[in-house]
Amino acid sequence: MAQQYKALTSEQVDFFMENGYVVIKQAFTREQAADFTREMWVRLGMEPNDKSTWNQERIHMPVTKRVRVSEFAPKAWEAITDLCGGEDRINVEASTWGDSFIVNLGTPELEGAKPREALELDNWHVDGDFFVHFIDSPEQALLVIPLFSSIAPGGGATFIATDGIDIIAKYLAAHPEGVIPEDRTFRPAYLQGTADQFRDYPGFWSHLEEIKRCEKFVELTGETGDVVLMHPLMMHSASKNVLRVPRVITNPPVSVRKPFNFNRDDPNEYSLVERKTLKALGVDRLDFKPTTERREVVPKRVMIQRAMLEVEKKRLEEMRLKSAQASPASQPVPVAVA
């Protein structure tokens, strides 16, 4: 019996099952994006219209506020629930969007250069540095990319490898003992030793060997307000922003309440993510049971972003103090969203 979905069309469902992602066009407005990013440039300590102040190529900002997706982008939220098997399966509190912007500003040296091909990129990875990975891990049930700026070709868009899901799914299914995201390694949890000893295992942050086996690449360009929803095992990479038009995205995870179930009594109960994973494995069902405990990992980026947050707070306090001292006729701090 064909399943009914709230937001996704049959064409979008087929596209997800084939490619592992779907784009929800205009899920929120430019006005919402402008308001949400209003303090971004102050937090960065940069001027939007002065490239000489852009002293970093790509910045992963800490979070200072969160919004419920169902209120901020209801069309995207309905599509998320379709992919995950219904809202009752989603951990809503762990599936919010924050202002942890990933800002790609490019570099003066690369401005105007020829965009790099997918296989020339060196940032290929799978997300989820905060938990031990299993094929059924609930912590990151979807990879989500809301676009808070428009992104043209060559403008620093995320690249994805749609046929890489099969590689990662089969690797995780073969390691029920779990895989630890640690430094630049992606290794079975029971192994101990230095990262160099495990160079034959897929690199968690750098799947540079696995990407050579991929052939299907997509540059995720789009307009402000578009939202890309991807299978959690999608390999992806940042790209070079040769246009030097500020590219602003976030990558919030969606968490489900229980681990994925690849062995349901009723096949109609499989979520689209579960169905896509089974397709990647080439099986109709999988009786998967982890052999070690599920646990969280505290990534190094947490400490880095805590330090960044303290600096950002000082910048915002200074801005608000100046604003309070200024005359009513003073103009607000400009914020540009492409």
C-alpha atoms as a PDB file:
ATOM      1  CA  MET A   1       0.000   0.000   0.000  1.00  0.00           C
ATOM      2  CA  ALA A   2       1.409   3.385  -1.011  1.00  0.00           C
ATOM      3  CA  GLN A   3       2.283   5.590   1.946  1.00  0.00           C
ATOM      4  CA  GLN A   4       0.857   9.074   2.243  1.00  0.00           C
ATOM      5  CA  TYR A   5       3.124  12.007   3.080  1.00  0.00           C
ATOM      6  CA  LYS A   6       2.277  15.477   4.361  1.00  0.00           C
ATOM      7  CA  ALA A   7       4.786  17.482   2.330  1.00  0.00           C
ATOM      8  CA  LEU A   8       6.756  15.285  -0.056  1.00  0.00           C
ATOM      9  CA  THR A   9       5.395  14.482  -3.491  1.00  0.00           C
ATOM     10  CA  SER A  10       5.803  11.035  -5.013  1.00  0.00           C
ATOM     11  CA  GLU A  11       8.481  12.531  -7.290  1.00  0.00           C
ATOM     12  CA  GLN A  12      10.408  13.858  -4.288  1.00  0.00           C
ATOM     13  CA  VAL A  13      10.144  10.498  -2.522  1.00  0.00           C
ATOM     14  CA  ASP A  14      11.497   8.707  -5.596  1.00  0.00           C
ATOM     15  CA  PHE A  15      14.273  11.294  -5.889  1.00  0.00           C
ATOM     16  CA  PHE A  16      15.292  10.794  -2.254  1.00  0.00           C
ATOM     17  CA  MET A  17      15.306   7.024  -2.633  1.00  0.00           C
ATOM     18  CA  GLU A  18      17.571   7.342  -5.668  1.00  0.00           C
ATOM     19  CA  ASN A  19      19.839  10.206  -4.584  1.00  0.00           C
ATOM     20  CA  GLY A  20      19.602  10.423  -0.784  1.00  0.00           C
ATOM     21  CA  TYR A  21      18.570  14.060  -0.609  1.00  0.00           C
ATOM     22  CA  VAL A  22      15.730  16.424  -1.411  1.00  0.00           C
ATOM     23  CA  VAL A  23      15.536  20.218  -1.661  1.00  0.00           C
ATOM     24  CA  ILE A  24      12.626  22.095  -0.092  1.00  0.00           C
ATOM     25  CA  LYS A  25      12.411  25.363  -1.996  1.00  0.00           C
ATOM     26  CA  GLN A  26      11.622  28.606  -0.143  1.00  0.00           C
ATOM     27  CA  ALA A  27      11.018  26.944   3.209  1.00  0.00           C
ATOM     28  CA  PHE A  28      11.537  30.313   4.929  1.00  0.00           C
ATOM     29  CA  THR A  29      11.681  33.915   3.727  1.00  0.00           C
ATOM     30  CA  ARG A  30      14.524  36.337   3.042  1.00  0.00           C
ATOM     31  CA  GLU A  31      13.113  38.501   5.814  1.00  0.00           C
ATOM     32  CA  GLN A  32      13.407  35.625   8.275  1.00  0.00           C
ATOM     33  CA  ALA A  33      16.977  34.991   7.132  1.00  0.00           C
ATOM     34  CA  ALA A  34      17.904  38.662   7.517  1.00  0.00           C
ATOM     35  CA  ASP A  35      16.446  38.802  11.019  1.00  0.00           C
ATOM     36  CA  PHE A  36      18.100  35.547  12.097  1.00  0.00           C
ATOM     37  CA  THR A  37      21.531  36.695  10.839  1.00  0.00           C
ATOM     38  CA  ARG A  38      21.115  40.289  12.057  1.00  0.00           C
ATOM     39  CA  GLU A  39      24.020  40.169  14.525  1.00  0.00           C
ATOM     40  CA  MET A  40      26.232  37.814  12.531  1.00  0.00           C
ATOM     41  CA  TRP A  41      28.771  40.360  11.280  1.00  0.00           C
ATOM     42  CA  VAL A  42      29.129  41.939  14.702  1.00  0.00           C
ATOM     43  CA  ARG A  43      29.737  38.502  16.203  1.00  0.00           C
ATOM     44  CA  LEU A  44      32.369  37.849  13.534  1.00  0.00           C
ATOM     45  CA  GLY A  45      34.088  41.183  14.135  1.00  0.00           C
ATOM     46  CA  MET A  46      34.014  41.860  10.395  1.00  0.00           C
ATOM     47  CA  GLU A  47      32.445  44.398   8.054  1.00  0.00           C
ATOM     48  CA  PRO A  48      30.124  42.938   5.414  1.00  0.00           C
ATOM     49  CA  ASN A  49      31.181  45.438   2.771  1.00  0.00           C
ATOM     50  CA  ASP A  50      34.920  45.515   3.538  1.00  0.00           C
ATOM     51  CA  LYS A  51      36.720  42.393   2.366  1.00  0.00           C
ATOM     52  CA  SER A  52      39.928  43.532   4.063  1.00  0.00           C
ATOM     53  CA  THR A  53      38.258  42.604   7.373  1.00  0.00           C
ATOM     54  CA  TRP A  54      37.468  39.076   6.201  1.00  0.00           C
ATOM     55  CA  ASN A  55      40.425  37.427   7.901  1.00  0.00           C
ATOM     56  CA  GLN A  56      39.201  33.818   7.792  1.00  0.00           C
ATOM     57  CA  GLU A  57      38.143  31.673   4.862  1.00  0.00           C
ATOM     58  CA  ARG A  58      35.497  29.587   6.627  1.00  0.00           C
ATOM     59  CA  ILE A  59      34.126  30.071  10.144  1.00  0.00           C
ATOM     60  CA  HIS A  60      32.029  27.629  12.188  1.00  0.00           C
ATOM     61  CA  MET A  61      30.272  29.924  14.653  1.00  0.00           C
ATOM     62  CA  PRO A  62      28.942  28.851  18.076  1.00  0.00           C
ATOM     63  CA  VAL A  63      25.214  28.895  18.822  1.00  0.00           C
ATOM     64  CA  THR A  64      23.602  31.725  20.801  1.00  0.00           C
ATOM     65  CA  LYS A  65      19.899  31.108  20.126  1.00  0.00           C
ATOM     66  CA  ARG A  66      17.593  28.418  18.786  1.00  0.00           C
ATOM     67  CA  VAL A  67      14.229  28.260  17.042  1.00  0.00           C
ATOM     68  CA  ARG A  68      11.726  25.457  16.589  1.00  0.00           C
ATOM     69  CA  VAL A  69      11.781  24.318  12.981  1.00  0.00           C
ATOM     70  CA  SER A  70       8.025  23.776  12.982  1.00  0.00           C
ATOM     71  CA  GLU A  71       7.565  27.510  13.649  1.00  0.00           C
ATOM     72  CA  PHE A  72      10.458  28.931  11.620  1.00  0.00           C
ATOM     73  CA  ALA A  73      10.137  26.721   8.525  1.00  0.00           C
ATOM     74  CA  PRO A  74       6.954  24.601   8.735  1.00  0.00           C
ATOM     75  CA  LYS A  75       7.248  23.367   5.145  1.00  0.00           C
ATOM     76  CA  ALA A  76      10.728  21.996   5.885  1.00  0.00           C
ATOM     77  CA  TRP A  77       9.519  20.507   9.171  1.00  0.00           C
ATOM     78  CA  GLU A  78       6.721  18.590   7.453  1.00  0.00           C
ATOM     79  CA  ALA A  79       9.232  17.180   4.961  1.00  0.00           C
ATOM     80  CA  ILE A  80      11.537  16.217   7.856  1.00  0.00           C
ATOM     81  CA  THR A  81       8.713  14.322   9.541  1.00  0.00           C
ATOM     82  CA  ASP A  82       7.920  12.570   6.259  1.00  0.00           C
ATOM     83  CA  LEU A  83      11.522  11.381   5.932  1.00  0.00           C
ATOM     84  CA  CYS A  84      11.799  10.256   9.553  1.00  0.00           C
ATOM     85  CA  GLY A  85       8.524   8.337   9.729  1.00  0.00           C
ATOM     86  CA  GLY A  86       6.353  10.866  11.548  1.00  0.00           C
ATOM     87  CA  GLU A  87       6.721  13.584  14.163  1.00  0.00           C
ATOM     88  CA  ASP A  88       6.181  11.123  16.994  1.00  0.00           C
ATOM     89  CA  ARG A  89       9.517   9.480  16.132  1.00  0.00           C
ATOM     90  CA  ILE A  90      11.487  12.741  16.281  1.00  0.00           C
ATOM     91  CA  ASN A  91      13.200  14.118  19.371  1.00  0.00           C
ATOM     92  CA  VAL A  92      11.886  17.651  18.848  1.00  0.00           C
ATOM     93  CA  GLU A  93      14.130  19.230  21.492  1.00  0.00           C
ATOM     94  CA  ALA A  94      17.213  17.835  19.725  1.00  0.00           C
ATOM     95  CA  SER A  95      16.030  18.907  16.280  1.00  0.00           C
ATOM     96  CA  THR A  96      16.005  22.703  16.517  1.00  0.00           C
ATOM     97  CA  TRP A  97      17.880  25.227  14.360  1.00  0.00           C
ATOM     98  CA  GLY A  98      20.467  27.524  15.902  1.00  0.00           C
ATOM     99  CA  ASP A  99      22.511  30.512  14.757  1.00  0.00           C
ATOM    100  CA  SER A 100      25.704  28.441  14.565  1.00  0.00           C
ATOM    101  CA  PHE A 101      26.386  29.790  11.093  1.00  0.00           C
ATOM    102  CA  ILE A 102      28.997  28.305   8.799  1.00  0.00           C
ATOM    103  CA  VAL A 103      30.290  31.301   6.883  1.00  0.00           C
ATOM    104  CA  ASN A 104      32.404  30.784   3.766  1.00  0.00           C
ATOM    105  CA  LEU A 105      34.112  34.010   2.676  1.00  0.00           C
ATOM    106  CA  GLY A 106      36.787  32.636   0.369  1.00  0.00           C
ATOM    107  CA  THR A 107      40.301  34.065   0.151  1.00  0.00           C
ATOM    108  CA  PRO A 108      41.880  36.908  -1.846  1.00  0.00           C
ATOM    109  CA  GLU A 109      44.214  34.413  -3.532  1.00  0.00           C
ATOM    110  CA  LEU A 110      41.358  32.312  -4.928  1.00  0.00           C
ATOM    111  CA  GLU A 111      38.992  35.142  -5.889  1.00  0.00           C
ATOM    112  CA  GLY A 112      38.093  34.774  -9.545  1.00  0.00           C
ATOM    113  CA  ALA A 113      39.874  31.433  -9.884  1.00  0.00           C
ATOM    114  CA  LYS A 114      38.415  28.426 -11.660  1.00  0.00           C
ATOM    115  CA  PRO A 115      36.142  26.453  -9.278  1.00  0.00           C
ATOM    116  CA  ARG A 116      37.635  23.168  -8.134  1.00  0.00           C
ATOM    117  CA  GLU A 117      36.200  19.856  -9.249  1.00  0.00           C
ATOM    118  CA  ALA A 118      34.604  17.587  -6.620  1.00  0.00           C
ATOM    119  CA  LEU A 119      37.534  15.173  -6.486  1.00  0.00           C
ATOM    120  CA  GLU A 120      39.950  18.076  -5.931  1.00  0.00           C
ATOM    121  CA  LEU A 121      38.268  18.999  -2.634  1.00  0.00           C
ATOM    122  CA  ASP A 122      39.946  17.837   0.579  1.00  0.00           C
ATOM    123  CA  ASN A 123      37.117  18.157   3.106  1.00  0.00           C
ATOM    124  CA  TRP A 124      35.081  15.016   2.347  1.00  0.00           C
ATOM    125  CA  HIS A 125      33.490  13.698   5.535  1.00  0.00           C
ATOM    126  CA  VAL A 126      30.381  12.367   7.268  1.00  0.00           C
ATOM    127  CA  ASP A 127      28.855  14.467  10.039  1.00  0.00           C
ATOM    128  CA  GLY A 128      28.321  13.505  13.661  1.00  0.00           C
ATOM    129  CA  ASP A 129      31.425  14.179  15.738  1.00  0.00           C
ATOM    130  CA  PHE A 130      29.496  13.995  19.021  1.00  0.00           C
ATOM    131  CA  PHE A 131      28.581  10.308  19.327  1.00  0.00           C
ATOM    132  CA  VAL A 132      29.817   6.776  18.667  1.00  0.00           C
ATOM    133  CA  HIS A 133      28.413   5.743  15.295  1.00  0.00           C
ATOM    134  CA  PHE A 134      26.341   2.676  14.493  1.00  0.00           C
ATOM    135  CA  ILE A 135      24.312   1.983  11.369  1.00  0.00           C
ATOM    136  CA  ASP A 136      21.140   2.673  13.400  1.00  0.00           C
ATOM    137  CA  SER A 137      22.365   5.697  15.411  1.00  0.00           C
ATOM    138  CA  PRO A 138      19.473   8.003  16.362  1.00  0.00           C
ATOM    139  CA  GLU A 139      21.566  11.087  17.205  1.00  0.00           C
ATOM    140  CA  GLN A 140      21.720  12.288  13.618  1.00  0.00           C
ATOM    141  CA  ALA A 141      18.774  11.000  11.641  1.00  0.00           C
ATOM    142  CA  LEU A 142      19.065  13.603   8.904  1.00  0.00           C
ATOM    143  CA  LEU A 143      21.674  16.059   7.698  1.00  0.00           C
ATOM    144  CA  VAL A 144      19.995  19.438   7.177  1.00  0.00           C
ATOM    145  CA  ILE A 145      21.362  22.511   5.387  1.00  0.00           C
ATOM    146  CA  PRO A 146      19.236  25.677   5.561  1.00  0.00           C
ATOM    147  CA  LEU A 147      20.525  28.366   3.181  1.00  0.00           C
ATOM    148  CA  PHE A 148      20.712  31.773   4.867  1.00  0.00           C
ATOM    149  CA  SER A 149      22.248  33.267   1.727  1.00  0.00           C
ATOM    150  CA  SER A 150      21.872  32.571  -1.964  1.00  0.00           C
ATOM    151  CA  ILE A 151      24.670  30.400  -3.360  1.00  0.00           C
ATOM    152  CA  ALA A 152      25.716  30.466  -7.013  1.00  0.00           C
ATOM    153  CA  PRO A 153      28.061  27.960  -8.689  1.00  0.00           C
ATOM    154  CA  GLY A 154      31.580  28.602  -7.426  1.00  0.00           C
ATOM    155  CA  GLY A 155      30.202  30.404  -4.389  1.00  0.00           C
ATOM    156  CA  GLY A 156      31.326  27.933  -1.720  1.00  0.00           C
ATOM    157  CA  ALA A 157      28.370  25.550  -1.847  1.00  0.00           C
ATOM    158  CA  THR A 158      28.470  22.173  -0.132  1.00  0.00           C
ATOM    159  CA  PHE A 159      29.309  19.307  -2.491  1.00  0.00           C
ATOM    160  CA  ILE A 160      27.753  15.889  -1.905  1.00  0.00           C
ATOM    161  CA  ALA A 161      28.532  12.417  -3.226  1.00  0.00           C
ATOM    162  CA  THR A 162      25.173  10.716  -3.636  1.00  0.00           C
ATOM    163  CA  ASP A 163      26.643   7.264  -4.278  1.00  0.00           C
ATOM    164  CA  GLY A 164      28.813   7.482  -1.148  1.00  0.00           C
ATOM    165  CA  ILE A 165      25.923   6.500   1.139  1.00  0.00           C
ATOM    166  CA  ASP A 166      26.341   2.875   0.063  1.00  0.00           C
ATOM    167  CA  ILE A 167      30.026   2.872   1.095  1.00  0.00           C
ATOM    168  CA  ILE A 168      29.430   4.333   4.571  1.00  0.00           C
ATOM    169  CA  ALA A 169      26.318   2.224   5.253  1.00  0.00           C
ATOM    170  CA  LYS A 170      28.110  -1.031   4.435  1.00  0.00           C
ATOM    171  CA  TYR A 171      31.107  -0.023   6.554  1.00  0.00           C
ATOM    172  CA  LEU A 172      28.960   0.745   9.612  1.00  0.00           C
ATOM    173  CA  ALA A 173      26.847  -2.391   9.189  1.00  0.00           C
ATOM    174  CA  ALA A 174      30.066  -4.404   9.282  1.00  0.00           C
ATOM    175  CA  HIS A 175      31.101  -2.808  12.595  1.00  0.00           C
ATOM    176  CA  PRO A 176      28.405  -3.439  15.242  1.00  0.00           C
ATOM    177  CA  GLU A 177      31.042  -2.626  17.885  1.00  0.00           C
ATOM    178  CA  GLY A 178      30.665   1.025  16.888  1.00  0.00           C
ATOM    179  CA  VAL A 179      32.880   3.575  15.247  1.00  0.00           C
ATOM    180  CA  ILE A 180      34.510   6.445  17.119  1.00  0.00           C
ATOM    181  CA  PRO A 181      34.861   9.893  15.570  1.00  0.00           C
ATOM    182  CA  GLU A 182      38.231  10.897  17.013  1.00  0.00           C
ATOM    183  CA  ASP A 183      40.621  13.435  15.530  1.00  0.00           C
ATOM    184  CA  ARG A 184      40.914  12.404  11.863  1.00  0.00           C
ATOM    185  CA  THR A 185      40.027   8.743  12.357  1.00  0.00           C
ATOM    186  CA  PHE A 186      36.811   6.799  11.930  1.00  0.00           C
ATOM    187  CA  ARG A 187      37.597   3.485  13.536  1.00  0.00           C
ATOM    188  CA  PRO A 188      36.004   0.541  15.351  1.00  0.00           C
ATOM    189  CA  ALA A 189      35.461   1.410  19.000  1.00  0.00           C
ATOM    190  CA  TYR A 190      37.324  -1.577  20.412  1.00  0.00           C
ATOM    191  CA  LEU A 191      40.634  -0.618  18.756  1.00  0.00           C
ATOM    192  CA  GLN A 192      43.238   1.347  20.672  1.00  0.00           C
ATOM    193  CA  GLY A 193      46.376   3.082  19.455  1.00  0.00           C
ATOM    194  CA  THR A 194      47.522   6.046  17.438  1.00  0.00           C
ATOM    195  CA  ALA A 195      45.657   7.451  14.467  1.00  0.00           C
ATOM    196  CA  ASP A 196      48.485   6.428  12.147  1.00  0.00           C
ATOM    197  CA  GLN A 197      47.905   2.767  13.005  1.00  0.00           C
ATOM    198  CA  PHE A 198      44.401   2.991  11.527  1.00  0.00           C
ATOM    199  CA  ARG A 199      45.152   4.735   8.250  1.00  0.00           C
ATOM    200  CA  ASP A 200      43.450   1.861   6.386  1.00  0.00           C
ATOM    201  CA  TYR A 201      40.102   2.676   7.994  1.00  0.00           C
ATOM    202  CA  PRO A 202      37.869   5.338   6.426  1.00  0.00           C
ATOM    203  CA  GLY A 203      38.780   8.737   7.885  1.00  0.00           C
ATOM    204  CA  PHE A 204      35.850  10.239   9.782  1.00  0.00           C
ATOM    205  CA  TRP A 205      36.769  13.790   8.911  1.00  0.00           C
ATOM    206  CA  SER A 206      38.484  12.965   5.650  1.00  0.00           C
ATOM    207  CA  HIS A 207      37.052  10.245   3.404  1.00  0.00           C
ATOM    208  CA  LEU A 208      39.660  10.945   0.740  1.00  0.00           C
ATOM    209  CA  GLU A 209      40.083   7.286  -0.196  1.00  0.00           C
ATOM    210  CA  GLU A 210      36.372   6.457  -0.258  1.00  0.00           C
ATOM    211  CA  ILE A 211      35.524   9.498  -2.381  1.00  0.00           C
ATOM    212  CA  LYS A 212      37.686   8.105  -5.193  1.00  0.00           C
ATOM    213  CA  ARG A 213      35.111   5.328  -5.551  1.00  0.00           C
ATOM    214  CA  CYS A 214      32.278   7.823  -6.060  1.00  0.00           C
ATOM    215  CA  GLU A 215      31.040   9.132  -9.387  1.00  0.00           C
ATOM    216  CA  LYS A 216      27.870  11.104  -8.618  1.00  0.00           C
ATOM    217  CA  PHE A 217      28.525  14.603  -7.282  1.00  0.00           C
ATOM    218  CA  VAL A 218      26.142  17.525  -6.717  1.00  0.00           C
ATOM    219  CA  GLU A 219      26.959  21.165  -5.911  1.00  0.00           C
ATOM    220  CA  LEU A 220      24.197  22.345  -3.538  1.00  0.00           C
ATOM    221  CA  THR A 221      23.555  25.808  -4.919  1.00  0.00           C
ATOM    222  CA  GLY A 222      20.270  27.565  -4.188  1.00  0.00           C
ATOM    223  CA  GLU A 223      18.407  30.616  -2.985  1.00  0.00           C
ATOM    224  CA  THR A 224      18.012  32.102   0.466  1.00  0.00           C
ATOM    225  CA  GLY A 225      15.287  30.126   2.238  1.00  0.00           C
ATOM    226  CA  ASP A 226      15.948  26.801   0.511  1.00  0.00           C
ATOM    227  CA  VAL A 227      16.547  23.791   2.784  1.00  0.00           C
ATOM    228  CA  VAL A 228      18.418  20.642   1.781  1.00  0.00           C
ATOM    229  CA  LEU A 229      17.469  17.429   3.626  1.00  0.00           C
ATOM    230  CA  MET A 230      19.952  14.572   3.312  1.00  0.00           C
ATOM    231  CA  HIS A 231      20.444  11.016   4.445  1.00  0.00           C
ATOM    232  CA  PRO A 232      22.638  11.054   7.581  1.00  0.00           C
ATOM    233  CA  LEU A 233      25.404   9.013   5.913  1.00  0.00           C
ATOM    234  CA  MET A 234      25.845  11.405   2.989  1.00  0.00           C
ATOM    235  CA  MET A 235      29.506  12.186   2.321  1.00  0.00           C
ATOM    236  CA  HIS A 236      29.961  15.893   1.686  1.00  0.00           C
ATOM    237  CA  SER A 237      32.619  18.575   1.469  1.00  0.00           C
ATOM    238  CA  ALA A 238      32.975  22.321   1.761  1.00  0.00           C
ATOM    239  CA  SER A 239      34.113  23.945  -1.470  1.00  0.00           C
ATOM    240  CA  LYS A 240      36.125  27.021  -2.342  1.00  0.00           C
ATOM    241  CA  ASN A 241      34.258  30.309  -2.620  1.00  0.00           C
ATOM    242  CA  VAL A 242      35.924  31.844  -5.659  1.00  0.00           C
ATOM    243  CA  LEU A 243      33.124  34.415  -6.021  1.00  0.00           C
ATOM    244  CA  ARG A 244      33.769  35.810  -2.511  1.00  0.00           C
ATOM    245  CA  VAL A 245      30.061  36.480  -2.039  1.00  0.00           C
ATOM    246  CA  PRO A 246      29.415  35.582   1.638  1.00  0.00           C
ATOM    247  CA  ARG A 247      27.914  32.113   1.873  1.00  0.00           C
ATOM    248  CA  VAL A 248      25.922  31.481   5.048  1.00  0.00           C
ATOM    249  CA  ILE A 249      24.442  28.119   6.031  1.00  0.00           C
ATOM    250  CA  THR A 250      23.931  25.972   9.121  1.00  0.00           C
ATOM    251  CA  ASN A 251      23.962  22.179   9.422  1.00  0.00           C
ATOM    252  CA  PRO A 252      21.644  21.237  12.304  1.00  0.00           C
ATOM    253  CA  PRO A 253      20.996  17.524  12.862  1.00  0.00           C
ATOM    254  CA  VAL A 254      17.621  15.905  13.329  1.00  0.00           C
ATOM    255  CA  SER A 255      17.500  13.392  16.168  1.00  0.00           C
ATOM    256  CA  VAL A 256      14.986  10.554  16.503  1.00  0.00           C
ATOM    257  CA  ARG A 257      13.751   9.164  19.824  1.00  0.00           C
ATOM    258  CA  LYS A 258      14.819   5.572  19.172  1.00  0.00           C
ATOM    259  CA  PRO A 259      17.503   3.951  17.011  1.00  0.00           C
ATOM    260  CA  PHE A 260      16.509   3.205  13.439  1.00  0.00           C
ATOM    261  CA  ASN A 261      14.808  -0.168  13.052  1.00  0.00           C
ATOM    262  CA  PHE A 262      15.760  -2.083   9.918  1.00  0.00           C
ATOM    263  CA  ASN A 263      13.828  -5.212  10.884  1.00  0.00           C
ATOM    264  CA  ARG A 264      10.217  -4.079  11.264  1.00  0.00           C
ATOM    265  CA  ASP A 265       7.364  -6.601  11.169  1.00  0.00           C
ATOM    266  CA  ASP A 266       5.398  -4.349   8.813  1.00  0.00           C
ATOM    267  CA  PRO A 267       7.518  -3.022   5.904  1.00  0.00           C
ATOM    268  CA  ASN A 268       5.098  -0.085   5.583  1.00  0.00           C
ATOM    269  CA  GLU A 269       6.402   1.154   8.934  1.00  0.00           C
ATOM    270  CA  TYR A 270       9.902   1.802   7.608  1.00  0.00           C
ATOM    271  CA  SER A 271      10.759   5.494   7.416  1.00  0.00           C
ATOM    272  CA  LEU A 272      12.174   6.815   4.164  1.00  0.00           C
ATOM    273  CA  VAL A 273      15.598   7.115   5.801  1.00  0.00           C
ATOM    274  CA  GLU A 274      15.411   3.459   6.872  1.00  0.00           C
ATOM    275  CA  ARG A 275      14.296   2.421   3.396  1.00  0.00           C
ATOM    276  CA  LYS A 276      17.173   4.326   1.804  1.00  0.00           C
ATOM    277  CA  THR A 277      19.668   2.718   4.212  1.00  0.00           C
ATOM    278  CA  LEU A 278      18.380  -0.771   3.397  1.00  0.00           C
ATOM    279  CA  LYS A 279      18.636   0.049  -0.298  1.00  0.00           C
ATOM    280  CA  ALA A 280      22.229   1.194   0.234  1.00  0.00           C
ATOM    281  CA  LEU A 281      22.977  -2.129   1.936  1.00  0.00           C
ATOM    282  CA  GLY A 282      21.262  -4.088  -0.833  1.00  0.00           C
ATOM    283  CA  VAL A 283      18.941  -5.949   1.584  1.00  0.00           C
ATOM    284  CA  ASP A 284      15.236  -5.972   2.452  1.00  0.00           C
ATOM    285  CA  ARG A 285      15.854  -6.038   6.209  1.00  0.00           C
ATOM    286  CA  LEU A 286      18.713  -6.063   8.690  1.00  0.00           C
ATOM    287  CA  ASP A 287      18.591  -7.454  12.205  1.00  0.00           C
ATOM    288  CA  PHE A 288      21.207  -5.107  13.624  1.00  0.00           C
ATOM    289  CA  LYS A 289      22.248  -5.078  17.275  1.00  0.00           C
ATOM    290  CA  PRO A 290      25.199  -3.032  18.542  1.00  0.00           C
ATOM    291  CA  THR A 291      27.747  -5.015  20.525  1.00  0.00           C
ATOM    292  CA  THR A 292      28.970  -2.061  22.619  1.00  0.00           C
ATOM    293  CA  GLU A 293      27.150   0.718  24.450  1.00  0.00           C
ATOM    294  CA  ARG A 294      25.936   3.875  22.791  1.00  0.00           C
ATOM    295  CA  ARG A 295      27.707   6.932  24.116  1.00  0.00           C
ATOM    296  CA  GLU A 296      28.412  10.564  23.461  1.00  0.00           C
ATOM    297  CA  VAL A 297      31.753  12.021  22.423  1.00  0.00           C
ATOM    298  CA  VAL A 298      32.889  15.551  23.284  1.00  0.00           C
ATOM    299  CA  PRO A 299      34.553  16.869  20.120  1.00  0.00           C
ATOM    300  CA  LYS A 300      37.442  19.336  20.171  1.00  0.00           C
ATOM    301  CA  ARG A 301      35.294  21.918  18.389  1.00  0.00           C
ATOM    302  CA  VAL A 302      33.212  22.365  21.568  1.00  0.00           C
ATOM    303  CA  MET A 303      36.108  23.958  23.443  1.00  0.00           C
ATOM    304  CA  ILE A 304      37.017  26.063  20.415  1.00  0.00           C
ATOM    305  CA  GLN A 305      33.465  27.349  20.055  1.00  0.00           C
ATOM    306  CA  ARG A 306      33.194  28.102  23.774  1.00  0.00           C
ATOM    307  CA  ALA A 307      36.171  30.421  23.446  1.00  0.00           C
ATOM    308  CA  MET A 308      34.660  31.969  20.321  1.00  0.00           C
ATOM    309  CA  LEU A 309      31.393  32.538  22.157  1.00  0.00           C
ATOM    310  CA  GLU A 310      33.091  34.581  24.882  1.00  0.00           C
ATOM    311  CA  VAL A 311      34.674  36.837  22.260  1.00  0.00           C
ATOM    312  CA  GLU A 312      31.341  37.211  20.464  1.00  0.00           C
ATOM    313  CA  LYS A 313      29.576  38.166  23.698  1.00  0.00           C
ATOM    314  CA  LYS A 314      32.051  41.010  24.253  1.00  0.00           C
ATOM    315  CA  ARG A 315      31.516  42.302  20.713  1.00  0.00           C
ATOM    316  CA  LEU A 316      27.738  42.233  21.132  1.00  0.00           C
ATOM    317  CA  GLU A 317      27.938  43.987  24.506  1.00  0.00           C
ATOM    318  CA  GLU A 318      30.101  46.710  22.980  1.00  0.00           C
ATOM    319  CA  MET A 319      27.657  47.133  20.098  1.00  0.00           C
ATOM    320  CA  ARG A 320      24.684  47.433  22.441  1.00  0.00           C
ATOM    321  CA  LEU A 321      26.509  49.908  24.660  1.00  0.00           C
ATOM    322  CA  LYS A 322      27.338  52.094  21.657  1.00  0.00           C
ATOM    323  CA  SER A 323      23.763  51.814  20.442  1.00  0.00           C
ATOM    324  CA  ALA A 324      22.414  52.897  23.832  1.00  0.00           C
ATOM    325  CA  GLN A 325      24.749  55.893  23.896  1.00  0.00           C
ATOM    326  CA  ALA A 326      23.993  56.922  20.335  1.00  0.00           C
ATOM    327  CA  SER A 327      21.355  59.452  19.356  1.00  0.00           C
ATOM    328  CA  PRO A 328      17.958  58.192  18.118  1.00  0.00           C
ATOM    329  CA  ALA A 329      18.933  59.326  14.651  1.00  0.00           C
ATOM    330  CA  SER A 330      21.887  56.941  14.533  1.00  0.00           C
ATOM    331  CA  GLN A 331      21.681  54.215  11.943  1.00  0.00           C
ATOM    332  CA  PRO A 332      21.736  50.526  13.018  1.00  0.00           C
ATOM    333  CA  VAL A 333      24.715  48.329  12.253  1.00  0.00           C
ATOM    334  CA  PRO A 334      24.331  47.113   8.645  1.00  0.00           C
ATOM    335  CA  VAL A 335      23.986  43.417   8.031  1.00  0.00           C
ATOM    336  CA  ALA A 336      24.174  41.938   4.557  1.00  0.00           C
ATOM    337  CA  VAL A 337      22.584  38.670   3.563  1.00  0.00           C
ATOM    338  CA  ALA A 338      23.213  37.701  -0.019  1.00  0.00           C
END
